Amino acid sequence: MESKILEENRKSREKLEAKAAKLVDLIQYQEGSVVSRTLIDKNAGTVTLFAFDEEQRLSEHTAPFEALVYVLDGEAEVVISGKAITLRESEMTIMPANKPHALKAVKKFKMLLIMVRS
């Protein structure tokens, strides 16, 4: 099963290679859910799209790597080490490594997450 998923991910990425695409159109909202789509997954880091329905969230957690959050659509609240930041379309923030953070959809929103591992 895992090899089938990996193959589907590879084919999905190949469809995007050397082509123009609007990030906001590459992922769709799903009622009551958080949807993700990995665009790049390498040892050096990942690039992942997320679509959060209104009031959906990722609970507080930490990650050992820095990450950049860029909002493509909607409005999100990002809490980093207890400090809340509201992000709207075309705004971004950096989540430092090893700092607790959480995300919540104030309105449904789409974001690009770039995590740098090295």
PDB file of N, CA and C in Angstrom:
ATOM      1  N   MET A   1       0.823  -1.198   0.000  1.00  0.00           N
ATOM      2  CA  MET A   1       0.000   0.000   0.000  1.00  0.00           C
ATOM      3  C   MET A   1       0.865   1.260   0.000  1.00  0.00           C
ATOM      4  N   GLU A   2       1.926   1.273   0.839  1.00  0.00           N
ATOM      5  CA  GLU A   2       2.782   2.453   0.929  1.00  0.00           C
ATOM      6  C   GLU A   2       3.454   2.748  -0.407  1.00  0.00           C
ATOM      7  N   SER A   3       3.890   1.716  -1.128  1.00  0.00           N
ATOM      8  CA  SER A   3       4.543   1.952  -2.424  1.00  0.00           C
ATOM      9  C   SER A   3       3.559   2.533  -3.435  1.00  0.00           C
ATOM     10  N   LYS A   4       2.281   2.171  -3.346  1.00  0.00           N
ATOM     11  CA  LYS A   4       1.267   2.737  -4.232  1.00  0.00           C
ATOM     12  C   LYS A   4       1.084   4.233  -3.949  1.00  0.00           C
ATOM     13  N   ILE A   5       1.060   4.600  -2.677  1.00  0.00           N
ATOM     14  CA  ILE A   5       0.928   6.011  -2.290  1.00  0.00           C
ATOM     15  C   ILE A   5       2.139   6.798  -2.772  1.00  0.00           C
ATOM     16  N   LEU A   6       3.336   6.254  -2.583  1.00  0.00           N
ATOM     17  CA  LEU A   6       4.553   6.927  -3.044  1.00  0.00           C
ATOM     18  C   LEU A   6       4.531   7.122  -4.553  1.00  0.00           C
ATOM     19  N   GLU A   7       4.057   6.128  -5.281  1.00  0.00           N
ATOM     20  CA  GLU A   7       3.968   6.226  -6.742  1.00  0.00           C
ATOM     21  C   GLU A   7       2.964   7.301  -7.154  1.00  0.00           C
ATOM     22  N   GLU A   8       1.822   7.359  -6.480  1.00  0.00           N
ATOM     23  CA  GLU A   8       0.825   8.389  -6.777  1.00  0.00           C
ATOM     24  C   GLU A   8       1.381   9.784  -6.498  1.00  0.00           C
ATOM     25  N   ASN A   9       2.128   9.929  -5.384  1.00  0.00           N
ATOM     26  CA  ASN A   9       2.749  11.219  -5.065  1.00  0.00           C
ATOM     27  C   ASN A   9       3.759  11.617  -6.126  1.00  0.00           C
ATOM     28  N   ARG A  10       4.555  10.674  -6.602  1.00  0.00           N
ATOM     29  CA  ARG A  10       5.547  10.950  -7.638  1.00  0.00           C
ATOM     30  C   ARG A  10       4.859  11.411  -8.922  1.00  0.00           C
ATOM     31  N   LYS A  11       3.801  10.731  -9.320  1.00  0.00           N
ATOM     32  CA  LYS A  11       3.077  11.107 -10.532  1.00  0.00           C
ATOM     33  C   LYS A  11       2.432  12.481 -10.387  1.00  0.00           C
ATOM     34  N   SER A  12       1.901  12.763  -9.206  1.00  0.00           N
ATOM     35  CA  SER A  12       1.286  14.060  -8.948  1.00  0.00           C
ATOM     36  C   SER A  12       2.316  15.173  -9.089  1.00  0.00           C
ATOM     37  N   ARG A  13       3.513  14.969  -8.537  1.00  0.00           N
ATOM     38  CA  ARG A  13       4.576  15.978  -8.642  1.00  0.00           C
ATOM     39  C   ARG A  13       5.043  16.142 -10.080  1.00  0.00           C
ATOM     40  N   GLU A  14       5.140  15.038 -10.817  1.00  0.00           N
ATOM     41  CA  GLU A  14       5.584  15.126 -12.214  1.00  0.00           C
ATOM     42  C   GLU A  14       4.642  15.987 -13.051  1.00  0.00           C
ATOM     43  N   LYS A  15       3.352  15.958 -12.741  1.00  0.00           N
ATOM     44  CA  LYS A  15       2.393  16.776 -13.479  1.00  0.00           C
ATOM     45  C   LYS A  15       2.654  18.266 -13.305  1.00  0.00           C
ATOM     46  N   LEU A  16       3.349  18.634 -12.231  1.00  0.00           N
ATOM     47  CA  LEU A  16       3.622  20.040 -11.943  1.00  0.00           C
ATOM     48  C   LEU A  16       4.994  20.498 -12.443  1.00  0.00           C
ATOM     49  N   GLU A  17       5.867  19.564 -12.795  1.00  0.00           N
ATOM     50  CA  GLU A  17       7.220  19.922 -13.189  1.00  0.00           C
ATOM     51  C   GLU A  17       7.231  20.717 -14.484  1.00  0.00           C
ATOM     52  N   ALA A  18       8.000  21.818 -14.473  1.00  0.00           N
ATOM     53  CA  ALA A  18       8.209  22.676 -15.645  1.00  0.00           C
ATOM     54  C   ALA A  18       6.892  23.189 -16.233  1.00  0.00           C
ATOM     55  N   LYS A  19       5.940  23.496 -15.342  1.00  0.00           N
ATOM     56  CA  LYS A  19       4.651  24.033 -15.758  1.00  0.00           C
ATOM     57  C   LYS A  19       4.244  25.146 -14.800  1.00  0.00           C
ATOM     58  N   ALA A  20       3.458  26.081 -15.288  1.00  0.00           N
ATOM     59  CA  ALA A  20       2.914  27.133 -14.425  1.00  0.00           C
ATOM     60  C   ALA A  20       1.680  26.595 -13.712  1.00  0.00           C
ATOM     61  N   ALA A  21       1.576  26.919 -12.431  1.00  0.00           N
ATOM     62  CA  ALA A  21       0.408  26.495 -11.657  1.00  0.00           C
ATOM     63  C   ALA A  21       0.158  27.516 -10.558  1.00  0.00           C
ATOM     64  N   LYS A  22      -1.093  27.743 -10.244  1.00  0.00           N
ATOM     65  CA  LYS A  22      -1.458  28.605  -9.118  1.00  0.00           C
ATOM     66  C   LYS A  22      -1.544  27.735  -7.877  1.00  0.00           C
ATOM     67  N   LEU A  23      -0.723  28.054  -6.884  1.00  0.00           N
ATOM     68  CA  LEU A  23      -0.706  27.256  -5.654  1.00  0.00           C
ATOM     69  C   LEU A  23      -2.086  27.130  -5.041  1.00  0.00           C
ATOM     70  N   VAL A  24      -2.820  28.226  -5.004  1.00  0.00           N
ATOM     71  CA  VAL A  24      -4.134  28.235  -4.362  1.00  0.00           C
ATOM     72  C   VAL A  24      -5.108  27.254  -5.027  1.00  0.00           C
ATOM     73  N   ASP A  25      -4.887  26.927  -6.287  1.00  0.00           N
ATOM     74  CA  ASP A  25      -5.773  26.011  -7.012  1.00  0.00           C
ATOM     75  C   ASP A  25      -5.356  24.544  -6.885  1.00  0.00           C
ATOM     76  N   LEU A  26      -4.207  24.274  -6.266  1.00  0.00           N
ATOM     77  CA  LEU A  26      -3.693  22.907  -6.196  1.00  0.00           C
ATOM     78  C   LEU A  26      -4.234  22.109  -5.014  1.00  0.00           C
ATOM     79  N   ILE A  27      -5.044  22.747  -4.182  1.00  0.00           N
ATOM     80  CA  ILE A  27      -5.651  22.061  -3.045  1.00  0.00           C
ATOM     81  C   ILE A  27      -7.042  22.650  -2.820  1.00  0.00           C
ATOM     82  N   GLN A  28      -7.962  21.805  -2.400  1.00  0.00           N
ATOM     83  CA  GLN A  28      -9.350  22.236  -2.212  1.00  0.00           C
ATOM     84  C   GLN A  28      -9.762  22.075  -0.750  1.00  0.00           C
ATOM     85  N   TYR A  29     -10.694  22.916  -0.331  1.00  0.00           N
ATOM     86  CA  TYR A  29     -11.256  22.800   1.010  1.00  0.00           C
ATOM     87  C   TYR A  29     -12.136  21.558   1.095  1.00  0.00           C
ATOM     88  N   GLN A  30     -12.168  20.966   2.284  1.00  0.00           N
ATOM     89  CA  GLN A  30     -13.070  19.857   2.553  1.00  0.00           C
ATOM     90  C   GLN A  30     -13.775  20.175   3.871  1.00  0.00           C
ATOM     91  N   GLU A  31     -15.100  20.124   3.866  1.00  0.00           N
ATOM     92  CA  GLU A  31     -15.885  20.518   5.025  1.00  0.00           C
ATOM     93  C   GLU A  31     -15.448  19.769   6.279  1.00  0.00           C
ATOM     94  N   GLY A  32     -15.189  20.539   7.348  1.00  0.00           N
ATOM     95  CA  GLY A  32     -14.837  19.968   8.640  1.00  0.00           C
ATOM     96  C   GLY A  32     -13.472  19.317   8.708  1.00  0.00           C
ATOM     97  N   SER A  33     -12.581  19.658   7.773  1.00  0.00           N
ATOM     98  CA  SER A  33     -11.302  18.949   7.697  1.00  0.00           C
ATOM     99  C   SER A  33     -10.120  19.872   7.450  1.00  0.00           C
ATOM    100  N   VAL A  34      -8.952  19.297   7.678  1.00  0.00           N
ATOM    101  CA  VAL A  34      -7.686  19.871   7.254  1.00  0.00           C
ATOM    102  C   VAL A  34      -7.152  18.943   6.174  1.00  0.00           C
ATOM    103  N   VAL A  35      -6.883  19.497   4.997  1.00  0.00           N
ATOM    104  CA  VAL A  35      -6.391  18.714   3.862  1.00  0.00           C
ATOM    105  C   VAL A  35      -4.954  19.123   3.594  1.00  0.00           C
ATOM    106  N   SER A  36      -4.092  18.174   3.259  1.00  0.00           N
ATOM    107  CA  SER A  36      -2.708  18.507   2.917  1.00  0.00           C
ATOM    108  C   SER A  36      -2.301  17.834   1.614  1.00  0.00           C
ATOM    109  N   ARG A  37      -1.351  18.474   0.945  1.00  0.00           N
ATOM    110  CA  ARG A  37      -0.793  17.924  -0.294  1.00  0.00           C
ATOM    111  C   ARG A  37       0.690  18.255  -0.326  1.00  0.00           C
ATOM    112  N   THR A  38       1.527  17.244  -0.284  1.00  0.00           N
ATOM    113  CA  THR A  38       2.975  17.436  -0.314  1.00  0.00           C
ATOM    114  C   THR A  38       3.419  17.631  -1.759  1.00  0.00           C
ATOM    115  N   LEU A  39       4.118  18.745  -1.990  1.00  0.00           N
ATOM    116  CA  LEU A  39       4.641  19.039  -3.319  1.00  0.00           C
ATOM    117  C   LEU A  39       6.079  18.580  -3.461  1.00  0.00           C
ATOM    118  N   ILE A  40       6.872  18.742  -2.404  1.00  0.00           N
ATOM    119  CA  ILE A  40       8.279  18.317  -2.393  1.00  0.00           C
ATOM    120  C   ILE A  40       8.567  17.685  -1.045  1.00  0.00           C
ATOM    121  N   ASP A  41       9.237  16.540  -1.060  1.00  0.00           N
ATOM    122  CA  ASP A  41       9.643  15.862   0.166  1.00  0.00           C
ATOM    123  C   ASP A  41      11.058  15.339  -0.042  1.00  0.00           C
ATOM    124  N   LYS A  42      12.022  16.081   0.484  1.00  0.00           N
ATOM    125  CA  LYS A  42      13.436  15.743   0.326  1.00  0.00           C
ATOM    126  C   LYS A  42      14.105  15.744   1.694  1.00  0.00           C
ATOM    127  N   ASN A  43      15.313  15.214   1.773  1.00  0.00           N
ATOM    128  CA  ASN A  43      16.059  15.225   3.022  1.00  0.00           C
ATOM    129  C   ASN A  43      16.266  16.643   3.539  1.00  0.00           C
ATOM    130  N   ALA A  44      16.424  17.606   2.642  1.00  0.00           N
ATOM    131  CA  ALA A  44      16.677  18.997   3.029  1.00  0.00           C
ATOM    132  C   ALA A  44      15.423  19.705   3.534  1.00  0.00           C
ATOM    133  N   GLY A  45      14.234  19.194   3.205  1.00  0.00           N
ATOM    134  CA  GLY A  45      13.011  19.825   3.665  1.00  0.00           C
ATOM    135  C   GLY A  45      11.797  19.417   2.861  1.00  0.00           C
ATOM    136  N   THR A  46      10.658  20.030   3.213  1.00  0.00           N
ATOM    137  CA  THR A  46       9.401  19.714   2.540  1.00  0.00           C
ATOM    138  C   THR A  46       8.674  21.002   2.154  1.00  0.00           C
ATOM    139  N   VAL A  47       7.840  20.873   1.133  1.00  0.00           N
ATOM    140  CA  VAL A  47       6.931  21.936   0.714  1.00  0.00           C
ATOM    141  C   VAL A  47       5.552  21.298   0.649  1.00  0.00           C
ATOM    142  N   THR A  48       4.640  21.818   1.488  1.00  0.00           N
ATOM    143  CA  THR A  48       3.322  21.198   1.609  1.00  0.00           C
ATOM    144  C   THR A  48       2.237  22.264   1.584  1.00  0.00           C
ATOM    145  N   LEU A  49       1.175  21.987   0.849  1.00  0.00           N
ATOM    146  CA  LEU A  49      -0.010  22.835   0.840  1.00  0.00           C
ATOM    147  C   LEU A  49      -1.008  22.305   1.863  1.00  0.00           C
ATOM    148  N   PHE A  50      -1.716  23.223   2.525  1.00  0.00           N
ATOM    149  CA  PHE A  50      -2.770  22.851   3.463  1.00  0.00           C
ATOM    150  C   PHE A  50      -4.014  23.667   3.158  1.00  0.00           C
ATOM    151  N   ALA A  51      -5.177  23.065   3.358  1.00  0.00           N
ATOM    152  CA  ALA A  51      -6.462  23.766   3.290  1.00  0.00           C
ATOM    153  C   ALA A  51      -7.211  23.430   4.577  1.00  0.00           C
ATOM    154  N   PHE A  52      -7.519  24.464   5.373  1.00  0.00           N
ATOM    155  CA  PHE A  52      -8.218  24.311   6.650  1.00  0.00           C
ATOM    156  C   PHE A  52      -9.636  24.836   6.491  1.00  0.00           C
ATOM    157  N   ASP A  53     -10.623  24.033   6.826  1.00  0.00           N
ATOM    158  CA  ASP A  53     -11.981  24.549   6.890  1.00  0.00           C
ATOM    159  C   ASP A  53     -12.085  25.443   8.132  1.00  0.00           C
ATOM    160  N   GLU A  54     -13.075  26.329   8.151  1.00  0.00           N
ATOM    161  CA  GLU A  54     -13.244  27.254   9.270  1.00  0.00           C
ATOM    162  C   GLU A  54     -13.275  26.516  10.611  1.00  0.00           C
ATOM    163  N   GLU A  55     -12.561  27.074  11.582  1.00  0.00           N
ATOM    164  CA  GLU A  55     -12.453  26.563  12.956  1.00  0.00           C
ATOM    165  C   GLU A  55     -11.592  25.301  13.085  1.00  0.00           C
ATOM    166  N   GLN A  56     -11.060  24.784  11.983  1.00  0.00           N
ATOM    167  CA  GLN A  56     -10.156  23.634  12.083  1.00  0.00           C
ATOM    168  C   GLN A  56      -8.805  24.131  12.586  1.00  0.00           C
ATOM    169  N   ARG A  57      -8.045  23.231  13.188  1.00  0.00           N
ATOM    170  CA  ARG A  57      -6.790  23.641  13.797  1.00  0.00           C
ATOM    171  C   ARG A  57      -5.768  22.520  13.824  1.00  0.00           C
ATOM    172  N   LEU A  58      -4.525  22.909  14.028  1.00  0.00           N
ATOM    173  CA  LEU A  58      -3.462  21.979  14.400  1.00  0.00           C
ATOM    174  C   LEU A  58      -3.099  22.351  15.830  1.00  0.00           C
ATOM    175  N   SER A  59      -3.188  21.395  16.729  1.00  0.00           N
ATOM    176  CA  SER A  59      -2.928  21.684  18.135  1.00  0.00           C
ATOM    177  C   SER A  59      -1.450  22.001  18.354  1.00  0.00           C
ATOM    178  N   GLU A  60      -1.168  22.593  19.498  1.00  0.00           N
ATOM    179  CA  GLU A  60       0.199  23.013  19.790  1.00  0.00           C
ATOM    180  C   GLU A  60       1.159  21.829  19.740  1.00  0.00           C
ATOM    181  N   HIS A  61       2.287  22.059  19.099  1.00  0.00           N
ATOM    182  CA  HIS A  61       3.325  21.047  18.978  1.00  0.00           C
ATOM    183  C   HIS A  61       4.649  21.764  18.708  1.00  0.00           C
ATOM    184  N   THR A  62       5.724  21.020  18.708  1.00  0.00           N
ATOM    185  CA  THR A  62       7.024  21.571  18.332  1.00  0.00           C
ATOM    186  C   THR A  62       7.583  20.753  17.186  1.00  0.00           C
ATOM    187  N   ALA A  63       8.505  21.356  16.461  1.00  0.00           N
ATOM    188  CA  ALA A  63       9.203  20.667  15.375  1.00  0.00           C
ATOM    189  C   ALA A  63      10.683  21.032  15.485  1.00  0.00           C
ATOM    190  N   PRO A  64      11.556  20.108  15.151  1.00  0.00           N
ATOM    191  CA  PRO A  64      12.987  20.380  15.294  1.00  0.00           C
ATOM    192  C   PRO A  64      13.573  21.237  14.164  1.00  0.00           C
ATOM    193  N   PHE A  65      12.707  21.745  13.272  1.00  0.00           N
ATOM    194  CA  PHE A  65      13.183  22.498  12.111  1.00  0.00           C
ATOM    195  C   PHE A  65      12.412  23.812  11.972  1.00  0.00           C
ATOM    196  N   GLU A  66      13.056  24.800  11.345  1.00  0.00           N
ATOM    197  CA  GLU A  66      12.363  26.040  11.028  1.00  0.00           C
ATOM    198  C   GLU A  66      11.351  25.793   9.921  1.00  0.00           C
ATOM    199  N   ALA A  67      10.285  26.584   9.936  1.00  0.00           N
ATOM    200  CA  ALA A  67       9.272  26.467   8.891  1.00  0.00           C
ATOM    201  C   ALA A  67       8.730  27.854   8.560  1.00  0.00           C
ATOM    202  N   LEU A  68       8.427  28.056   7.291  1.00  0.00           N
ATOM    203  CA  LEU A  68       7.804  29.285   6.815  1.00  0.00           C
ATOM    204  C   LEU A  68       6.368  28.968   6.459  1.00  0.00           C
ATOM    205  N   VAL A  69       5.441  29.765   6.986  1.00  0.00           N
ATOM    206  CA  VAL A  69       4.013  29.635   6.671  1.00  0.00           C
ATOM    207  C   VAL A  69       3.628  30.832   5.813  1.00  0.00           C
ATOM    208  N   TYR A  70       3.061  30.559   4.638  1.00  0.00           N
ATOM    209  CA  TYR A  70       2.602  31.616   3.729  1.00  0.00           C
ATOM    210  C   TYR A  70       1.126  31.378   3.439  1.00  0.00           C
ATOM    211  N   VAL A  71       0.270  32.342   3.793  1.00  0.00           N
ATOM    212  CA  VAL A  71      -1.171  32.186   3.594  1.00  0.00           C
ATOM    213  C   VAL A  71      -1.544  32.583   2.167  1.00  0.00           C
ATOM    214  N   LEU A  72      -2.199  31.662   1.482  1.00  0.00           N
ATOM    215  CA  LEU A  72      -2.616  31.856   0.090  1.00  0.00           C
ATOM    216  C   LEU A  72      -4.026  32.419  -0.016  1.00  0.00           C
ATOM    217  N   ASP A  73      -4.859  32.093   0.978  1.00  0.00           N
ATOM    218  CA  ASP A  73      -6.273  32.454   0.936  1.00  0.00           C
ATOM    219  C   ASP A  73      -6.814  32.396   2.356  1.00  0.00           C
ATOM    220  N   GLY A  74      -7.712  33.299   2.711  1.00  0.00           N
ATOM    221  CA  GLY A  74      -8.387  33.225   3.996  1.00  0.00           C
ATOM    222  C   GLY A  74      -7.633  33.900   5.126  1.00  0.00           C
ATOM    223  N   GLU A  75      -7.881  33.407   6.350  1.00  0.00           N
ATOM    224  CA  GLU A  75      -7.310  34.035   7.545  1.00  0.00           C
ATOM    225  C   GLU A  75      -7.028  32.985   8.608  1.00  0.00           C
ATOM    226  N   ALA A  76      -5.831  33.058   9.183  1.00  0.00           N
ATOM    227  CA  ALA A  76      -5.407  32.088  10.187  1.00  0.00           C
ATOM    228  C   ALA A  76      -4.845  32.792  11.404  1.00  0.00           C
ATOM    229  N   GLU A  77      -4.962  32.117  12.537  1.00  0.00           N
ATOM    230  CA  GLU A  77      -4.261  32.550  13.738  1.00  0.00           C
ATOM    231  C   GLU A  77      -3.150  31.544  13.992  1.00  0.00           C
ATOM    232  N   VAL A  78      -1.934  32.069  14.079  1.00  0.00           N
ATOM    233  CA  VAL A  78      -0.770  31.236  14.381  1.00  0.00           C
ATOM    234  C   VAL A  78      -0.271  31.677  15.751  1.00  0.00           C
ATOM    235  N   VAL A  79      -0.096  30.716  16.638  1.00  0.00           N
ATOM    236  CA  VAL A  79       0.421  31.013  17.971  1.00  0.00           C
ATOM    237  C   VAL A  79       1.797  30.375  18.077  1.00  0.00           C
ATOM    238  N   ILE A  80       2.805  31.221  18.350  1.00  0.00           N
ATOM    239  CA  ILE A  80       4.181  30.748  18.481  1.00  0.00           C
ATOM    240  C   ILE A  80       4.673  31.159  19.867  1.00  0.00           C
ATOM    241  N   SER A  81       5.023  30.179  20.680  1.00  0.00           N
ATOM    242  CA  SER A  81       5.493  30.427  22.047  1.00  0.00           C
ATOM    243  C   SER A  81       4.532  31.350  22.807  1.00  0.00           C
ATOM    244  N   GLY A  82       3.231  31.115  22.644  1.00  0.00           N
ATOM    245  CA  GLY A  82       2.215  31.876  23.356  1.00  0.00           C
ATOM    246  C   GLY A  82       1.827  33.195  22.720  1.00  0.00           C
ATOM    247  N   LYS A  83       2.502  33.618  21.650  1.00  0.00           N
ATOM    248  CA  LYS A  83       2.189  34.888  20.978  1.00  0.00           C
ATOM    249  C   LYS A  83       1.328  34.616  19.744  1.00  0.00           C
ATOM    250  N   ALA A  84       0.128  35.213  19.723  1.00  0.00           N
ATOM    251  CA  ALA A  84      -0.805  35.018  18.602  1.00  0.00           C
ATOM    252  C   ALA A  84      -0.515  36.025  17.492  1.00  0.00           C
ATOM    253  N   ILE A  85      -0.523  35.526  16.260  1.00  0.00           N
ATOM    254  CA  ILE A  85      -0.318  36.342  15.066  1.00  0.00           C
ATOM    255  C   ILE A  85      -1.456  36.021  14.104  1.00  0.00           C
ATOM    256  N   THR A  86      -2.114  37.035  13.567  1.00  0.00           N
ATOM    257  CA  THR A  86      -3.140  36.814  12.551  1.00  0.00           C
ATOM    258  C   THR A  86      -2.498  36.993  11.185  1.00  0.00           C
ATOM    259  N   LEU A  87      -2.677  35.999  10.337  1.00  0.00           N
ATOM    260  CA  LEU A  87      -2.152  36.041   8.970  1.00  0.00           C
ATOM    261  C   LEU A  87      -3.305  36.006   7.985  1.00  0.00           C
ATOM    262  N   ARG A  88      -3.231  36.876   6.993  1.00  0.00           N
ATOM    263  CA  ARG A  88      -4.216  36.914   5.917  1.00  0.00           C
ATOM    264  C   ARG A  88      -3.510  36.658   4.597  1.00  0.00           C
ATOM    265  N   GLU A  89      -4.309  36.578   3.536  1.00  0.00           N
ATOM    266  CA  GLU A  89      -3.783  36.314   2.197  1.00  0.00           C
ATOM    267  C   GLU A  89      -2.522  37.131   1.916  1.00  0.00           C
ATOM    268  N   SER A  90      -1.507  36.460   1.399  1.00  0.00           N
ATOM    269  CA  SER A  90      -0.210  37.032   1.004  1.00  0.00           C
ATOM    270  C   SER A  90       0.680  37.414   2.179  1.00  0.00           C
ATOM    271  N   GLU A  91       0.330  37.000   3.397  1.00  0.00           N
ATOM    272  CA  GLU A  91       1.184  37.254   4.549  1.00  0.00           C
ATOM    273  C   GLU A  91       1.846  35.957   4.996  1.00  0.00           C
ATOM    274  N   MET A  92       2.998  36.114   5.670  1.00  0.00           N
ATOM    275  CA  MET A  92       3.749  34.938   6.111  1.00  0.00           C
ATOM    276  C   MET A  92       4.367  35.192   7.468  1.00  0.00           C
ATOM    277  N   THR A  93       4.813  34.097   8.073  1.00  0.00           N
ATOM    278  CA  THR A  93       5.617  34.165   9.284  1.00  0.00           C
ATOM    279  C   THR A  93       6.559  32.981   9.285  1.00  0.00           C
ATOM    280  N   ILE A  94       7.580  33.092  10.117  1.00  0.00           N
ATOM    281  CA  ILE A  94       8.512  31.986  10.300  1.00  0.00           C
ATOM    282  C   ILE A  94       8.285  31.395  11.679  1.00  0.00           C
ATOM    283  N   MET A  95       8.164  30.086  11.718  1.00  0.00           N
ATOM    284  CA  MET A  95       8.032  29.373  12.987  1.00  0.00           C
ATOM    285  C   MET A  95       9.413  28.813  13.323  1.00  0.00           C
ATOM    286  N   PRO A  96      10.029  29.306  14.407  1.00  0.00           N
ATOM    287  CA  PRO A  96      11.376  28.844  14.761  1.00  0.00           C
ATOM    288  C   PRO A  96      11.383  27.382  15.201  1.00  0.00           C
ATOM    289  N   ALA A  97      12.508  26.750  14.994  1.00  0.00           N
ATOM    290  CA  ALA A  97      12.687  25.366  15.443  1.00  0.00           C
ATOM    291  C   ALA A  97      12.545  25.283  16.961  1.00  0.00           C
ATOM    292  N   ASN A  98      11.980  24.190  17.403  1.00  0.00           N
ATOM    293  CA  ASN A  98      11.879  23.844  18.825  1.00  0.00           C
ATOM    294  C   ASN A  98      11.055  24.822  19.664  1.00  0.00           C
ATOM    295  N   LYS A  99      10.215  25.635  19.022  1.00  0.00           N
ATOM    296  CA  LYS A  99       9.313  26.536  19.736  1.00  0.00           C
ATOM    297  C   LYS A  99       7.888  26.011  19.555  1.00  0.00           C
ATOM    298  N   PRO A 100       7.094  25.952  20.622  1.00  0.00           N
ATOM    299  CA  PRO A 100       5.724  25.450  20.470  1.00  0.00           C
ATOM    300  C   PRO A 100       4.897  26.379  19.579  1.00  0.00           C
ATOM    301  N   HIS A 101       4.115  25.765  18.711  1.00  0.00           N
ATOM    302  CA  HIS A 101       3.267  26.541  17.808  1.00  0.00           C
ATOM    303  C   HIS A 101       1.982  25.773  17.510  1.00  0.00           C
ATOM    304  N   ALA A 102       0.951  26.542  17.125  1.00  0.00           N
ATOM    305  CA  ALA A 102      -0.352  25.978  16.775  1.00  0.00           C
ATOM    306  C   ALA A 102      -0.965  26.859  15.701  1.00  0.00           C
ATOM    307  N   LEU A 103      -1.897  26.300  14.931  1.00  0.00           N
ATOM    308  CA  LEU A 103      -2.584  27.050  13.881  1.00  0.00           C
ATOM    309  C   LEU A 103      -4.078  26.819  13.986  1.00  0.00           C
ATOM    310  N   LYS A 104      -4.848  27.882  13.693  1.00  0.00           N
ATOM    311  CA  LYS A 104      -6.310  27.784  13.726  1.00  0.00           C
ATOM    312  C   LYS A 104      -6.876  28.612  12.582  1.00  0.00           C
ATOM    313  N   ALA A 105      -7.888  28.078  11.923  1.00  0.00           N
ATOM    314  CA  ALA A 105      -8.571  28.799  10.842  1.00  0.00           C
ATOM    315  C   ALA A 105      -9.592  29.756  11.452  1.00  0.00           C
ATOM    316  N   VAL A 106      -9.304  31.060  11.405  1.00  0.00           N
ATOM    317  CA  VAL A 106     -10.280  32.077  11.795  1.00  0.00           C
ATOM    318  C   VAL A 106     -11.404  32.062  10.767  1.00  0.00           C
ATOM    319  N   LYS A 107     -11.021  32.058   9.498  1.00  0.00           N
ATOM    320  CA  LYS A 107     -11.887  31.785   8.343  1.00  0.00           C
ATOM    321  C   LYS A 107     -11.188  30.646   7.623  1.00  0.00           C
ATOM    322  N   LYS A 108     -11.889  29.943   6.773  1.00  0.00           N
ATOM    323  CA  LYS A 108     -11.177  28.875   6.073  1.00  0.00           C
ATOM    324  C   LYS A 108      -9.972  29.496   5.365  1.00  0.00           C
ATOM    325  N   PHE A 109      -8.872  28.749   5.353  1.00  0.00           N
ATOM    326  CA  PHE A 109      -7.665  29.295   4.742  1.00  0.00           C
ATOM    327  C   PHE A 109      -6.819  28.206   4.114  1.00  0.00           C
ATOM    328  N   LYS A 110      -5.992  28.641   3.161  1.00  0.00           N
ATOM    329  CA  LYS A 110      -5.016  27.774   2.515  1.00  0.00           C
ATOM    330  C   LYS A 110      -3.638  28.351   2.781  1.00  0.00           C
ATOM    331  N   MET A 111      -2.676  27.454   3.017  1.00  0.00           N
ATOM    332  CA  MET A 111      -1.317  27.912   3.279  1.00  0.00           C
ATOM    333  C   MET A 111      -0.305  27.002   2.613  1.00  0.00           C
ATOM    334  N   LEU A 112       0.848  27.589   2.375  1.00  0.00           N
ATOM    335  CA  LEU A 112       2.014  26.847   1.913  1.00  0.00           C
ATOM    336  C   LEU A 112       2.955  26.767   3.102  1.00  0.00           C
ATOM    337  N   LEU A 113       3.392  25.574   3.438  1.00  0.00           N
ATOM    338  CA  LEU A 113       4.341  25.359   4.536  1.00  0.00           C
ATOM    339  C   LEU A 113       5.647  24.877   3.929  1.00  0.00           C
ATOM    340  N   ILE A 114       6.715  25.616   4.190  1.00  0.00           N
ATOM    341  CA  ILE A 114       8.048  25.228   3.732  1.00  0.00           C
ATOM    342  C   ILE A 114       8.863  24.926   4.972  1.00  0.00           C
ATOM    343  N   MET A 115       9.240  23.666   5.143  1.00  0.00           N
ATOM    344  CA  MET A 115      10.029  23.263   6.292  1.00  0.00           C
ATOM    345  C   MET A 115      11.449  22.976   5.822  1.00  0.00           C
ATOM    346  N   VAL A 116      12.407  23.571   6.506  1.00  0.00           N
ATOM    347  CA  VAL A 116      13.814  23.419   6.136  1.00  0.00           C
ATOM    348  C   VAL A 116      14.489  22.545   7.175  1.00  0.00           C
ATOM    349  N   ARG A 117      14.979  21.409   6.724  1.00  0.00           N
ATOM    350  CA  ARG A 117      15.615  20.452   7.651  1.00  0.00           C
ATOM    351  C   ARG A 117      17.113  20.657   7.785  1.00  0.00           C
ATOM    352  N   SER A 118      17.725  21.267   6.801  1.00  0.00           N
ATOM    353  CA  SER A 118      19.185  21.451   6.890  1.00  0.00           C
ATOM    354  C   SER A 118      19.597  22.762   6.255  1.00  0.00           C
TER     355      SER A 118
END
